[in-house]
Amino acid sequence: MKKQVIHVFELVKTFELQAISAQPNEEEWKFRIEILKKCTPKGMYSVRVTRRETYRIPPTYPLTEEGIPSTPACDKEILVDDTSSDWERIKGKSSDAVLQRVLKEFERIFQVSILGTTHE
């Protein structure tokens, strides 16, 4: 039986974008961009894009005598993989090259201009 090869990736840079609204008066989307380097001699760079989602979680206990939670619900933010583009196809020889391709893709998808990097 052939052994499975497992690759290791180093998280080299992390960026967060200002919240983006696809349409006026709609929910804002909050994105996180992680640039990864494959830990090999010719380590290529790739990207992981996640989106922060907020969930309201009602408590299951303690309950009042009427069966209503006695404490308020709480909001919890979690990171979920973003599927607005095929991010896994973006690869490059440097972290900056990958970041620039990702930012251009965000500009294309959301019709925005992104400032704050060499992409300007």
PDB file of N, CA and C in Angstrom:
ATOM      1  N   MET A   1       0.844  -1.182   0.000  1.00  0.00           N
ATOM      2  CA  MET A   1       0.000   0.000   0.000  1.00  0.00           C
ATOM      3  C   MET A   1       0.891   1.248   0.000  1.00  0.00           C
ATOM      4  N   LYS A   2       0.604   2.152  -0.918  1.00  0.00           N
ATOM      5  CA  LYS A   2       1.381   3.380  -1.042  1.00  0.00           C
ATOM      6  C   LYS A   2       0.986   4.366   0.052  1.00  0.00           C
ATOM      7  N   LYS A   3       2.007   4.986   0.681  1.00  0.00           N
ATOM      8  CA  LYS A   3       1.735   5.959   1.731  1.00  0.00           C
ATOM      9  C   LYS A   3       1.197   7.254   1.138  1.00  0.00           C
ATOM     10  N   GLN A   4       0.265   7.835   1.834  1.00  0.00           N
ATOM     11  CA  GLN A   4      -0.284   9.128   1.436  1.00  0.00           C
ATOM     12  C   GLN A   4       0.727  10.218   1.778  1.00  0.00           C
ATOM     13  N   VAL A   5       0.929  11.161   0.870  1.00  0.00           N
ATOM     14  CA  VAL A   5       1.842  12.270   1.104  1.00  0.00           C
ATOM     15  C   VAL A   5       1.034  13.457   1.623  1.00  0.00           C
ATOM     16  N   ILE A   6       1.451  13.987   2.742  1.00  0.00           N
ATOM     17  CA  ILE A   6       0.784  15.138   3.356  1.00  0.00           C
ATOM     18  C   ILE A   6       1.731  16.329   3.264  1.00  0.00           C
ATOM     19  N   HIS A   7       1.278  17.406   2.662  1.00  0.00           N
ATOM     20  CA  HIS A   7       2.099  18.614   2.544  1.00  0.00           C
ATOM     21  C   HIS A   7       1.817  19.558   3.713  1.00  0.00           C
ATOM     22  N   VAL A   8       2.831  20.332   4.052  1.00  0.00           N
ATOM     23  CA  VAL A   8       2.713  21.330   5.117  1.00  0.00           C
ATOM     24  C   VAL A   8       2.780  22.703   4.467  1.00  0.00           C
ATOM     25  N   PHE A   9       1.933  23.615   4.966  1.00  0.00           N
ATOM     26  CA  PHE A   9       1.896  24.978   4.458  1.00  0.00           C
ATOM     27  C   PHE A   9       2.133  25.941   5.610  1.00  0.00           C
ATOM     28  N   GLU A  10       2.931  26.973   5.358  1.00  0.00           N
ATOM     29  CA  GLU A  10       3.177  28.008   6.351  1.00  0.00           C
ATOM     30  C   GLU A  10       2.265  29.195   6.070  1.00  0.00           C
ATOM     31  N   LEU A  11       1.601  29.667   7.101  1.00  0.00           N
ATOM     32  CA  LEU A  11       0.791  30.875   6.986  1.00  0.00           C
ATOM     33  C   LEU A  11       1.765  32.052   7.054  1.00  0.00           C
ATOM     34  N   VAL A  12       1.945  32.756   5.916  1.00  0.00           N
ATOM     35  CA  VAL A  12       2.961  33.796   5.871  1.00  0.00           C
ATOM     36  C   VAL A  12       2.403  35.209   6.026  1.00  0.00           C
ATOM     37  N   LYS A  13       1.167  35.425   5.603  1.00  0.00           N
ATOM     38  CA  LYS A  13       0.561  36.749   5.737  1.00  0.00           C
ATOM     39  C   LYS A  13      -0.941  36.600   5.936  1.00  0.00           C
ATOM     40  N   THR A  14      -1.498  37.526   6.700  1.00  0.00           N
ATOM     41  CA  THR A  14      -2.941  37.556   6.924  1.00  0.00           C
ATOM     42  C   THR A  14      -3.425  38.984   6.723  1.00  0.00           C
ATOM     43  N   PHE A  15      -4.527  39.131   5.996  1.00  0.00           N
ATOM     44  CA  PHE A  15      -5.110  40.443   5.738  1.00  0.00           C
ATOM     45  C   PHE A  15      -6.610  40.374   5.999  1.00  0.00           C
ATOM     46  N   GLU A  16      -7.174  41.496   6.416  1.00  0.00           N
ATOM     47  CA  GLU A  16      -8.626  41.601   6.548  1.00  0.00           C
ATOM     48  C   GLU A  16      -9.074  42.795   5.729  1.00  0.00           C
ATOM     49  N   LEU A  17     -10.149  42.621   4.999  1.00  0.00           N
ATOM     50  CA  LEU A  17     -10.701  43.710   4.196  1.00  0.00           C
ATOM     51  C   LEU A  17     -11.754  44.464   4.986  1.00  0.00           C
ATOM     52  N   GLN A  18     -11.877  45.738   4.695  1.00  0.00           N
ATOM     53  CA  GLN A  18     -12.986  46.519   5.235  1.00  0.00           C
ATOM     54  C   GLN A  18     -14.269  45.853   4.753  1.00  0.00           C
ATOM     55  N   ALA A  19     -15.319  45.911   5.551  1.00  0.00           N
ATOM     56  CA  ALA A  19     -16.591  45.270   5.190  1.00  0.00           C
ATOM     57  C   ALA A  19     -17.071  45.766   3.833  1.00  0.00           C
ATOM     58  N   ILE A  20     -17.614  44.833   3.037  1.00  0.00           N
ATOM     59  CA  ILE A  20     -18.092  45.123   1.691  1.00  0.00           C
ATOM     60  C   ILE A  20     -19.594  44.868   1.624  1.00  0.00           C
ATOM     61  N   SER A  21     -20.332  45.819   1.052  1.00  0.00           N
ATOM     62  CA  SER A  21     -21.757  45.617   0.795  1.00  0.00           C
ATOM     63  C   SER A  21     -21.930  45.362  -0.696  1.00  0.00           C
ATOM     64  N   ALA A  22     -22.575  44.254  -1.035  1.00  0.00           N
ATOM     65  CA  ALA A  22     -22.825  43.954  -2.440  1.00  0.00           C
ATOM     66  C   ALA A  22     -23.840  44.933  -3.020  1.00  0.00           C
ATOM     67  N   GLN A  23     -24.816  45.322  -2.227  1.00  0.00           N
ATOM     68  CA  GLN A  23     -25.858  46.270  -2.618  1.00  0.00           C
ATOM     69  C   GLN A  23     -26.063  47.248  -1.463  1.00  0.00           C
ATOM     70  N   PRO A  24     -26.484  48.499  -1.766  1.00  0.00           N
ATOM     71  CA  PRO A  24     -26.764  49.430  -0.669  1.00  0.00           C
ATOM     72  C   PRO A  24     -27.834  48.864   0.274  1.00  0.00           C
ATOM     73  N   ASN A  25     -27.683  49.140   1.551  1.00  0.00           N
ATOM     74  CA  ASN A  25     -28.625  48.705   2.595  1.00  0.00           C
ATOM     75  C   ASN A  25     -28.708  47.188   2.760  1.00  0.00           C
ATOM     76  N   GLU A  26     -27.721  46.458   2.283  1.00  0.00           N
ATOM     77  CA  GLU A  26     -27.682  45.007   2.477  1.00  0.00           C
ATOM     78  C   GLU A  26     -26.614  44.666   3.508  1.00  0.00           C
ATOM     79  N   GLU A  27     -26.651  43.436   3.939  1.00  0.00           N
ATOM     80  CA  GLU A  27     -25.671  42.954   4.914  1.00  0.00           C
ATOM     81  C   GLU A  27     -24.251  43.140   4.374  1.00  0.00           C
ATOM     82  N   GLU A  28     -23.349  43.534   5.253  1.00  0.00           N
ATOM     83  CA  GLU A  28     -21.954  43.672   4.868  1.00  0.00           C
ATOM     84  C   GLU A  28     -21.238  42.346   5.006  1.00  0.00           C
ATOM     85  N   TRP A  29     -20.286  42.111   4.116  1.00  0.00           N
ATOM     86  CA  TRP A  29     -19.475  40.908   4.155  1.00  0.00           C
ATOM     87  C   TRP A  29     -18.086  41.278   4.641  1.00  0.00           C
ATOM     88  N   LYS A  30     -17.549  40.468   5.542  1.00  0.00           N
ATOM     89  CA  LYS A  30     -16.236  40.713   6.130  1.00  0.00           C
ATOM     90  C   LYS A  30     -15.321  39.553   5.742  1.00  0.00           C
ATOM     91  N   PHE A  31     -14.243  39.874   5.029  1.00  0.00           N
ATOM     92  CA  PHE A  31     -13.360  38.844   4.488  1.00  0.00           C
ATOM     93  C   PHE A  31     -11.988  38.859   5.150  1.00  0.00           C
ATOM     94  N   ARG A  32     -11.420  37.664   5.214  1.00  0.00           N
ATOM     95  CA  ARG A  32     -10.055  37.469   5.713  1.00  0.00           C
ATOM     96  C   ARG A  32      -9.293  36.726   4.611  1.00  0.00           C
ATOM     97  N   ILE A  33      -8.095  37.216   4.315  1.00  0.00           N
ATOM     98  CA  ILE A  33      -7.242  36.626   3.274  1.00  0.00           C
ATOM     99  C   ILE A  33      -6.002  36.071   3.956  1.00  0.00           C
ATOM    100  N   GLU A  34      -5.729  34.800   3.741  1.00  0.00           N
ATOM    101  CA  GLU A  34      -4.533  34.170   4.304  1.00  0.00           C
ATOM    102  C   GLU A  34      -3.656  33.680   3.155  1.00  0.00           C
ATOM    103  N   ILE A  35      -2.411  34.124   3.141  1.00  0.00           N
ATOM    104  CA  ILE A  35      -1.453  33.691   2.128  1.00  0.00           C
ATOM    105  C   ILE A  35      -0.629  32.555   2.733  1.00  0.00           C
ATOM    106  N   LEU A  36      -0.589  31.433   2.015  1.00  0.00           N
ATOM    107  CA  LEU A  36       0.097  30.226   2.482  1.00  0.00           C
ATOM    108  C   LEU A  36       1.264  29.888   1.560  1.00  0.00           C
ATOM    109  N   LYS A  37       2.337  29.372   2.139  1.00  0.00           N
ATOM    110  CA  LYS A  37       3.487  28.921   1.351  1.00  0.00           C
ATOM    111  C   LYS A  37       3.686  27.429   1.578  1.00  0.00           C
ATOM    112  N   LYS A  38       3.759  26.697   0.494  1.00  0.00           N
ATOM    113  CA  LYS A  38       4.022  25.261   0.576  1.00  0.00           C
ATOM    114  C   LYS A  38       5.462  25.068   1.028  1.00  0.00           C
ATOM    115  N   CYS A  39       5.667  24.267   2.074  1.00  0.00           N
ATOM    116  CA  CYS A  39       6.993  24.076   2.668  1.00  0.00           C
ATOM    117  C   CYS A  39       7.793  23.039   1.879  1.00  0.00           C
ATOM    118  N   THR A  40       8.208  23.450   0.690  1.00  0.00           N
ATOM    119  CA  THR A  40       9.066  22.645  -0.169  1.00  0.00           C
ATOM    120  C   THR A  40      10.125  23.585  -0.732  1.00  0.00           C
ATOM    121  N   PRO A  41      11.211  23.058  -1.318  1.00  0.00           N
ATOM    122  CA  PRO A  41      12.255  23.944  -1.847  1.00  0.00           C
ATOM    123  C   PRO A  41      11.723  24.992  -2.841  1.00  0.00           C
ATOM    124  N   LYS A  42      10.779  24.636  -3.681  1.00  0.00           N
ATOM    125  CA  LYS A  42      10.204  25.585  -4.645  1.00  0.00           C
ATOM    126  C   LYS A  42       8.825  26.032  -4.190  1.00  0.00           C
ATOM    127  N   GLY A  43       8.650  26.182  -2.889  1.00  0.00           N
ATOM    128  CA  GLY A  43       7.355  26.466  -2.295  1.00  0.00           C
ATOM    129  C   GLY A  43       6.528  27.519  -3.004  1.00  0.00           C
ATOM    130  N   MET A  44       5.455  27.093  -3.640  1.00  0.00           N
ATOM    131  CA  MET A  44       4.519  28.006  -4.275  1.00  0.00           C
ATOM    132  C   MET A  44       3.601  28.598  -3.216  1.00  0.00           C
ATOM    133  N   TYR A  45       3.071  29.754  -3.527  1.00  0.00           N
ATOM    134  CA  TYR A  45       2.138  30.438  -2.637  1.00  0.00           C
ATOM    135  C   TYR A  45       0.714  30.213  -3.117  1.00  0.00           C
ATOM    136  N   SER A  46      -0.184  30.127  -2.158  1.00  0.00           N
ATOM    137  CA  SER A  46      -1.609  29.966  -2.461  1.00  0.00           C
ATOM    138  C   SER A  46      -2.387  30.811  -1.461  1.00  0.00           C
ATOM    139  N   VAL A  47      -3.702  30.740  -1.550  1.00  0.00           N
ATOM    140  CA  VAL A  47      -4.529  31.607  -0.718  1.00  0.00           C
ATOM    141  C   VAL A  47      -5.695  30.842  -0.133  1.00  0.00           C
ATOM    142  N   ARG A  48      -6.117  31.285   1.034  1.00  0.00           N
ATOM    143  CA  ARG A  48      -7.370  30.816   1.648  1.00  0.00           C
ATOM    144  C   ARG A  48      -8.170  32.077   1.961  1.00  0.00           C
ATOM    145  N   VAL A  49      -9.413  32.129   1.490  1.00  0.00           N
ATOM    146  CA  VAL A  49     -10.277  33.275   1.755  1.00  0.00           C
ATOM    147  C   VAL A  49     -11.442  32.798   2.605  1.00  0.00           C
ATOM    148  N   THR A  50     -11.629  33.462   3.728  1.00  0.00           N
ATOM    149  CA  THR A  50     -12.750  33.131   4.603  1.00  0.00           C
ATOM    150  C   THR A  50     -13.599  34.378   4.812  1.00  0.00           C
ATOM    151  N   ARG A  51     -14.809  34.145   5.233  1.00  0.00           N
ATOM    152  CA  ARG A  51     -15.778  35.211   5.486  1.00  0.00           C
ATOM    153  C   ARG A  51     -16.257  35.074   6.914  1.00  0.00           C
ATOM    154  N   ARG A  52     -16.344  36.200   7.631  1.00  0.00           N
ATOM    155  CA  ARG A  52     -16.861  36.157   8.998  1.00  0.00           C
ATOM    156  C   ARG A  52     -18.384  36.176   8.947  1.00  0.00           C
ATOM    157  N   GLU A  53     -18.988  35.192   9.564  1.00  0.00           N
ATOM    158  CA  GLU A  53     -20.441  35.081   9.642  1.00  0.00           C
ATOM    159  C   GLU A  53     -20.855  35.225  11.099  1.00  0.00           C
ATOM    160  N   THR A  54     -21.972  35.892  11.328  1.00  0.00           N
ATOM    161  CA  THR A  54     -22.486  36.072  12.684  1.00  0.00           C
ATOM    162  C   THR A  54     -23.735  35.223  12.865  1.00  0.00           C
ATOM    163  N   TYR A  55     -23.769  34.485  13.940  1.00  0.00           N
ATOM    164  CA  TYR A  55     -24.920  33.651  14.283  1.00  0.00           C
ATOM    165  C   TYR A  55     -25.431  34.047  15.658  1.00  0.00           C
ATOM    166  N   ARG A  56     -26.733  34.125  15.803  1.00  0.00           N
ATOM    167  CA  ARG A  56     -27.346  34.392  17.107  1.00  0.00           C
ATOM    168  C   ARG A  56     -27.686  33.036  17.721  1.00  0.00           C
ATOM    169  N   ILE A  57     -27.103  32.786  18.869  1.00  0.00           N
ATOM    170  CA  ILE A  57     -27.256  31.484  19.516  1.00  0.00           C
ATOM    171  C   ILE A  57     -28.091  31.644  20.788  1.00  0.00           C
ATOM    172  N   PRO A  58     -29.271  31.030  20.803  1.00  0.00           N
ATOM    173  CA  PRO A  58     -30.086  31.109  22.023  1.00  0.00           C
ATOM    174  C   PRO A  58     -29.588  30.095  23.053  1.00  0.00           C
ATOM    175  N   PRO A  59     -29.618  30.459  24.314  1.00  0.00           N
ATOM    176  CA  PRO A  59     -29.177  29.510  25.344  1.00  0.00           C
ATOM    177  C   PRO A  59     -30.189  28.363  25.487  1.00  0.00           C
ATOM    178  N   THR A  60     -29.706  27.205  25.839  1.00  0.00           N
ATOM    179  CA  THR A  60     -30.602  26.058  26.041  1.00  0.00           C
ATOM    180  C   THR A  60     -31.011  25.926  27.505  1.00  0.00           C
ATOM    181  N   TYR A  61     -30.277  26.573  28.386  1.00  0.00           N
ATOM    182  CA  TYR A  61     -30.600  26.578  29.813  1.00  0.00           C
ATOM    183  C   TYR A  61     -29.882  27.753  30.448  1.00  0.00           C
ATOM    184  N   PRO A  62     -30.176  28.241  31.570  1.00  0.00           N
ATOM    185  CA  PRO A  62     -31.355  27.861  32.361  1.00  0.00           C
ATOM    186  C   PRO A  62     -32.621  28.473  31.771  1.00  0.00           C
ATOM    187  N   LEU A  63     -33.727  27.805  32.023  1.00  0.00           N
ATOM    188  CA  LEU A  63     -35.026  28.259  31.537  1.00  0.00           C
ATOM    189  C   LEU A  63     -35.872  28.763  32.693  1.00  0.00           C
ATOM    190  N   THR A  64     -36.776  29.675  32.365  1.00  0.00           N
ATOM    191  CA  THR A  64     -37.735  30.135  33.373  1.00  0.00           C
ATOM    192  C   THR A  64     -38.787  29.046  33.547  1.00  0.00           C
ATOM    193  N   GLU A  65     -39.686  29.237  34.479  1.00  0.00           N
ATOM    194  CA  GLU A  65     -40.770  28.265  34.687  1.00  0.00           C
ATOM    195  C   GLU A  65     -41.647  28.123  33.449  1.00  0.00           C
ATOM    196  N   GLU A  66     -41.675  29.172  32.605  1.00  0.00           N
ATOM    197  CA  GLU A  66     -42.471  29.129  31.370  1.00  0.00           C
ATOM    198  C   GLU A  66     -41.722  28.466  30.219  1.00  0.00           C
ATOM    199  N   GLY A  67     -40.502  28.021  30.455  1.00  0.00           N
ATOM    200  CA  GLY A  67     -39.718  27.360  29.417  1.00  0.00           C
ATOM    201  C   GLY A  67     -38.981  28.324  28.493  1.00  0.00           C
ATOM    202  N   ILE A  68     -38.846  29.576  28.908  1.00  0.00           N
ATOM    203  CA  ILE A  68     -38.153  30.589  28.114  1.00  0.00           C
ATOM    204  C   ILE A  68     -36.746  30.746  28.678  1.00  0.00           C
ATOM    205  N   PRO A  69     -35.738  30.885  27.786  1.00  0.00           N
ATOM    206  CA  PRO A  69     -34.375  31.085  28.311  1.00  0.00           C
ATOM    207  C   PRO A  69     -34.310  32.284  29.248  1.00  0.00           C
ATOM    208  N   SER A  70     -33.646  32.119  30.374  1.00  0.00           N
ATOM    209  CA  SER A  70     -33.560  33.200  31.367  1.00  0.00           C
ATOM    210  C   SER A  70     -32.405  34.155  31.079  1.00  0.00           C
ATOM    211  N   THR A  71     -31.565  33.822  30.123  1.00  0.00           N
ATOM    212  CA  THR A  71     -30.482  34.721  29.709  1.00  0.00           C
ATOM    213  C   THR A  71     -30.668  35.020  28.221  1.00  0.00           C
ATOM    214  N   PRO A  72     -30.206  36.181  27.773  1.00  0.00           N
ATOM    215  CA  PRO A  72     -30.412  36.552  26.365  1.00  0.00           C
ATOM    216  C   PRO A  72     -29.535  35.728  25.421  1.00  0.00           C
ATOM    217  N   ALA A  73     -29.943  35.713  24.159  1.00  0.00           N
ATOM    218  CA  ALA A  73     -29.138  35.054  23.127  1.00  0.00           C
ATOM    219  C   ALA A  73     -27.836  35.825  22.959  1.00  0.00           C
ATOM    220  N   CYS A  74     -26.830  35.152  22.443  1.00  0.00           N
ATOM    221  CA  CYS A  74     -25.565  35.845  22.192  1.00  0.00           C
ATOM    222  C   CYS A  74     -25.201  35.686  20.719  1.00  0.00           C
ATOM    223  N   ASP A  75     -24.481  36.673  20.214  1.00  0.00           N
ATOM    224  CA  ASP A  75     -24.010  36.620  18.837  1.00  0.00           C
ATOM    225  C   ASP A  75     -22.598  36.050  18.832  1.00  0.00           C
ATOM    226  N   LYS A  76     -22.351  35.157  17.899  1.00  0.00           N
ATOM    227  CA  LYS A  76     -21.049  34.513  17.779  1.00  0.00           C
ATOM    228  C   LYS A  76     -20.575  34.641  16.338  1.00  0.00           C
ATOM    229  N   GLU A  77     -19.338  35.087  16.156  1.00  0.00           N
ATOM    230  CA  GLU A  77     -18.760  35.175  14.823  1.00  0.00           C
ATOM    231  C   GLU A  77     -17.882  33.964  14.574  1.00  0.00           C
ATOM    232  N   ILE A  78     -18.026  33.383  13.383  1.00  0.00           N
ATOM    233  CA  ILE A  78     -17.169  32.273  12.991  1.00  0.00           C
ATOM    234  C   ILE A  78     -16.647  32.528  11.580  1.00  0.00           C
ATOM    235  N   LEU A  79     -15.511  31.922  11.250  1.00  0.00           N
ATOM    236  CA  LEU A  79     -14.964  32.017   9.910  1.00  0.00           C
ATOM    237  C   LEU A  79     -15.450  30.832   9.090  1.00  0.00           C
ATOM    238  N   VAL A  80     -15.958  31.129   7.892  1.00  0.00           N
ATOM    239  CA  VAL A  80     -16.387  30.076   6.971  1.00  0.00           C
ATOM    240  C   VAL A  80     -15.637  30.260   5.660  1.00  0.00           C
ATOM    241  N   ASP A  81     -15.348  29.161   4.983  1.00  0.00           N
ATOM    242  CA  ASP A  81     -14.688  29.260   3.682  1.00  0.00           C
ATOM    243  C   ASP A  81     -15.569  30.041   2.732  1.00  0.00           C
ATOM    244  N   ASP A  82     -14.971  30.984   2.010  1.00  0.00           N
ATOM    245  CA  ASP A  82     -15.732  31.780   1.060  1.00  0.00           C
ATOM    246  C   ASP A  82     -15.799  31.065  -0.284  1.00  0.00           C
ATOM    247  N   THR A  83     -16.965  31.104  -0.905  1.00  0.00           N
ATOM    248  CA  THR A  83     -17.165  30.428  -2.184  1.00  0.00           C
ATOM    249  C   THR A  83     -17.569  31.409  -3.291  1.00  0.00           C
ATOM    250  N   SER A  84     -17.301  32.713  -3.101  1.00  0.00           N
ATOM    251  CA  SER A  84     -17.679  33.677  -4.135  1.00  0.00           C
ATOM    252  C   SER A  84     -16.767  33.602  -5.358  1.00  0.00           C
ATOM    253  N   SER A  85     -15.648  32.886  -5.234  1.00  0.00           N
ATOM    254  CA  SER A  85     -14.737  32.655  -6.358  1.00  0.00           C
ATOM    255  C   SER A  85     -14.003  31.340  -6.110  1.00  0.00           C
ATOM    256  N   ASP A  86     -13.330  30.860  -7.137  1.00  0.00           N
ATOM    257  CA  ASP A  86     -12.531  29.636  -7.016  1.00  0.00           C
ATOM    258  C   ASP A  86     -11.128  30.039  -6.548  1.00  0.00           C
ATOM    259  N   TRP A  87     -11.003  30.353  -5.275  1.00  0.00           N
ATOM    260  CA  TRP A  87      -9.760  30.886  -4.730  1.00  0.00           C
ATOM    261  C   TRP A  87      -8.599  29.903  -4.851  1.00  0.00           C
ATOM    262  N   GLU A  88      -8.879  28.611  -4.829  1.00  0.00           N
ATOM    263  CA  GLU A  88      -7.804  27.604  -4.872  1.00  0.00           C
ATOM    264  C   GLU A  88      -7.012  27.640  -6.180  1.00  0.00           C
ATOM    265  N   ARG A  89      -7.576  28.227  -7.213  1.00  0.00           N
ATOM    266  CA  ARG A  89      -6.866  28.287  -8.498  1.00  0.00           C
ATOM    267  C   ARG A  89      -5.778  29.365  -8.489  1.00  0.00           C
ATOM    268  N   ILE A  90      -5.820  30.276  -7.510  1.00  0.00           N
ATOM    269  CA  ILE A  90      -4.843  31.366  -7.455  1.00  0.00           C
ATOM    270  C   ILE A  90      -3.574  30.884  -6.766  1.00  0.00           C
ATOM    271  N   LYS A  91      -2.498  30.861  -7.544  1.00  0.00           N
ATOM    272  CA  LYS A  91      -1.191  30.434  -7.054  1.00  0.00           C
ATOM    273  C   LYS A  91      -0.160  31.418  -7.593  1.00  0.00           C
ATOM    274  N   GLY A  92       1.007  31.471  -6.967  1.00  0.00           N
ATOM    275  CA  GLY A  92       2.049  32.360  -7.448  1.00  0.00           C
ATOM    276  C   GLY A  92       3.394  32.051  -6.844  1.00  0.00           C
ATOM    277  N   LYS A  93       4.417  32.745  -7.362  1.00  0.00           N
ATOM    278  CA  LYS A  93       5.786  32.541  -6.890  1.00  0.00           C
ATOM    279  C   LYS A  93       6.137  33.437  -5.712  1.00  0.00           C
ATOM    280  N   SER A  94       5.224  34.374  -5.369  1.00  0.00           N
ATOM    281  CA  SER A  94       5.459  35.243  -4.210  1.00  0.00           C
ATOM    282  C   SER A  94       4.130  35.536  -3.530  1.00  0.00           C
ATOM    283  N   SER A  95       4.218  35.901  -2.260  1.00  0.00           N
ATOM    284  CA  SER A  95       2.993  36.226  -1.526  1.00  0.00           C
ATOM    285  C   SER A  95       2.352  37.491  -2.092  1.00  0.00           C
ATOM    286  N   ASP A  96       3.178  38.451  -2.512  1.00  0.00           N
ATOM    287  CA  ASP A  96       2.632  39.688  -3.076  1.00  0.00           C
ATOM    288  C   ASP A  96       1.889  39.437  -4.386  1.00  0.00           C
ATOM    289  N   ALA A  97       2.428  38.556  -5.226  1.00  0.00           N
ATOM    290  CA  ALA A  97       1.757  38.244  -6.491  1.00  0.00           C
ATOM    291  C   ALA A  97       0.393  37.615  -6.238  1.00  0.00           C
ATOM    292  N   VAL A  98       0.325  36.720  -5.271  1.00  0.00           N
ATOM    293  CA  VAL A  98      -0.951  36.073  -4.935  1.00  0.00           C
ATOM    294  C   VAL A  98      -1.933  37.096  -4.381  1.00  0.00           C
ATOM    295  N   LEU A  99      -1.459  37.953  -3.473  1.00  0.00           N
ATOM    296  CA  LEU A  99      -2.337  38.971  -2.896  1.00  0.00           C
ATOM    297  C   LEU A  99      -2.912  39.875  -3.988  1.00  0.00           C
ATOM    298  N   GLN A 100      -2.081  40.303  -4.928  1.00  0.00           N
ATOM    299  CA  GLN A 100      -2.568  41.194  -5.981  1.00  0.00           C
ATOM    300  C   GLN A 100      -3.650  40.522  -6.828  1.00  0.00           C
ATOM    301  N   ARG A 101      -3.487  39.250  -7.114  1.00  0.00           N
ATOM    302  CA  ARG A 101      -4.511  38.517  -7.892  1.00  0.00           C
ATOM    303  C   ARG A 101      -5.812  38.401  -7.102  1.00  0.00           C
ATOM    304  N   VAL A 102      -5.699  38.164  -5.799  1.00  0.00           N
ATOM    305  CA  VAL A 102      -6.891  38.056  -4.953  1.00  0.00           C
ATOM    306  C   VAL A 102      -7.624  39.396  -4.899  1.00  0.00           C
ATOM    307  N   LEU A 103      -6.883  40.482  -4.709  1.00  0.00           N
ATOM    308  CA  LEU A 103      -7.511  41.800  -4.634  1.00  0.00           C
ATOM    309  C   LEU A 103      -8.190  42.174  -5.947  1.00  0.00           C
ATOM    310  N   LYS A 104      -7.557  41.848  -7.065  1.00  0.00           N
ATOM    311  CA  LYS A 104      -8.189  42.107  -8.371  1.00  0.00           C
ATOM    312  C   LYS A 104      -9.487  41.320  -8.507  1.00  0.00           C
ATOM    313  N   GLU A 105      -9.498  40.112  -7.990  1.00  0.00           N
ATOM    314  CA  GLU A 105     -10.710  39.289  -8.048  1.00  0.00           C
ATOM    315  C   GLU A 105     -11.820  39.900  -7.192  1.00  0.00           C
ATOM    316  N   PHE A 106     -11.474  40.411  -6.014  1.00  0.00           N
ATOM    317  CA  PHE A 106     -12.475  41.088  -5.183  1.00  0.00           C
ATOM    318  C   PHE A 106     -13.031  42.309  -5.908  1.00  0.00           C
ATOM    319  N   GLU A 107     -12.153  43.078  -6.552  1.00  0.00           N
ATOM    320  CA  GLU A 107     -12.612  44.251  -7.291  1.00  0.00           C
ATOM    321  C   GLU A 107     -13.567  43.849  -8.410  1.00  0.00           C
ATOM    322  N   ARG A 108     -13.258  42.752  -9.084  1.00  0.00           N
ATOM    323  CA  ARG A 108     -14.115  42.278 -10.175  1.00  0.00           C
ATOM    324  C   ARG A 108     -15.475  41.826  -9.649  1.00  0.00           C
ATOM    325  N   ILE A 109     -15.470  41.046  -8.587  1.00  0.00           N
ATOM    326  CA  ILE A 109     -16.717  40.482  -8.060  1.00  0.00           C
ATOM    327  C   ILE A 109     -17.632  41.564  -7.499  1.00  0.00           C
ATOM    328  N   PHE A 110     -17.069  42.462  -6.695  1.00  0.00           N
ATOM    329  CA  PHE A 110     -17.888  43.435  -5.960  1.00  0.00           C
ATOM    330  C   PHE A 110     -17.905  44.829  -6.580  1.00  0.00           C
ATOM    331  N   GLN A 111     -17.184  45.015  -7.689  1.00  0.00           N
ATOM    332  CA  GLN A 111     -17.143  46.321  -8.364  1.00  0.00           C
ATOM    333  C   GLN A 111     -16.722  47.428  -7.405  1.00  0.00           C
ATOM    334  N   VAL A 112     -15.590  47.204  -6.712  1.00  0.00           N
ATOM    335  CA  VAL A 112     -15.033  48.164  -5.759  1.00  0.00           C
ATOM    336  C   VAL A 112     -13.577  48.436  -6.126  1.00  0.00           C
ATOM    337  N   SER A 113     -13.010  49.470  -5.521  1.00  0.00           N
ATOM    338  CA  SER A 113     -11.575  49.744  -5.612  1.00  0.00           C
ATOM    339  C   SER A 113     -10.978  49.464  -4.244  1.00  0.00           C
ATOM    340  N   ILE A 114      -9.879  48.752  -4.224  1.00  0.00           N
ATOM    341  CA  ILE A 114      -9.232  48.395  -2.964  1.00  0.00           C
ATOM    342  C   ILE A 114      -7.922  49.157  -2.837  1.00  0.00           C
ATOM    343  N   LEU A 115      -7.752  49.847  -1.717  1.00  0.00           N
ATOM    344  CA  LEU A 115      -6.544  50.633  -1.444  1.00  0.00           C
ATOM    345  C   LEU A 115      -5.825  50.060  -0.239  1.00  0.00           C
ATOM    346  N   GLY A 116      -4.532  50.380  -0.119  1.00  0.00           N
ATOM    347  CA  GLY A 116      -3.815  49.997   1.087  1.00  0.00           C
ATOM    348  C   GLY A 116      -2.734  48.972   0.869  1.00  0.00           C
ATOM    349  N   THR A 117      -2.450  48.620  -0.371  1.00  0.00           N
ATOM    350  CA  THR A 117      -1.360  47.693  -0.680  1.00  0.00           C
ATOM    351  C   THR A 117      -0.641  48.219  -1.902  1.00  0.00           C
ATOM    352  N   THR A 118       0.335  47.484  -2.394  1.00  0.00           N
ATOM    353  CA  THR A 118       1.025  47.885  -3.607  1.00  0.00           C
ATOM    354  C   THR A 118       0.092  47.791  -4.814  1.00  0.00           C
ATOM    355  N   HIS A 119      -1.101  47.280  -4.590  1.00  0.00           N
ATOM    356  CA  HIS A 119      -2.104  47.143  -5.641  1.00  0.00           C
ATOM    357  C   HIS A 119      -2.645  48.501  -6.083  1.00  0.00           C
ATOM    358  N   GLU A 120      -2.477  49.534  -5.242  1.00  0.00           N
ATOM    359  CA  GLU A 120      -3.053  50.862  -5.499  1.00  0.00           C
ATOM    360  C   GLU A 120      -2.639  51.402  -6.856  1.00  0.00           C
TER     361      GLU A 120
END
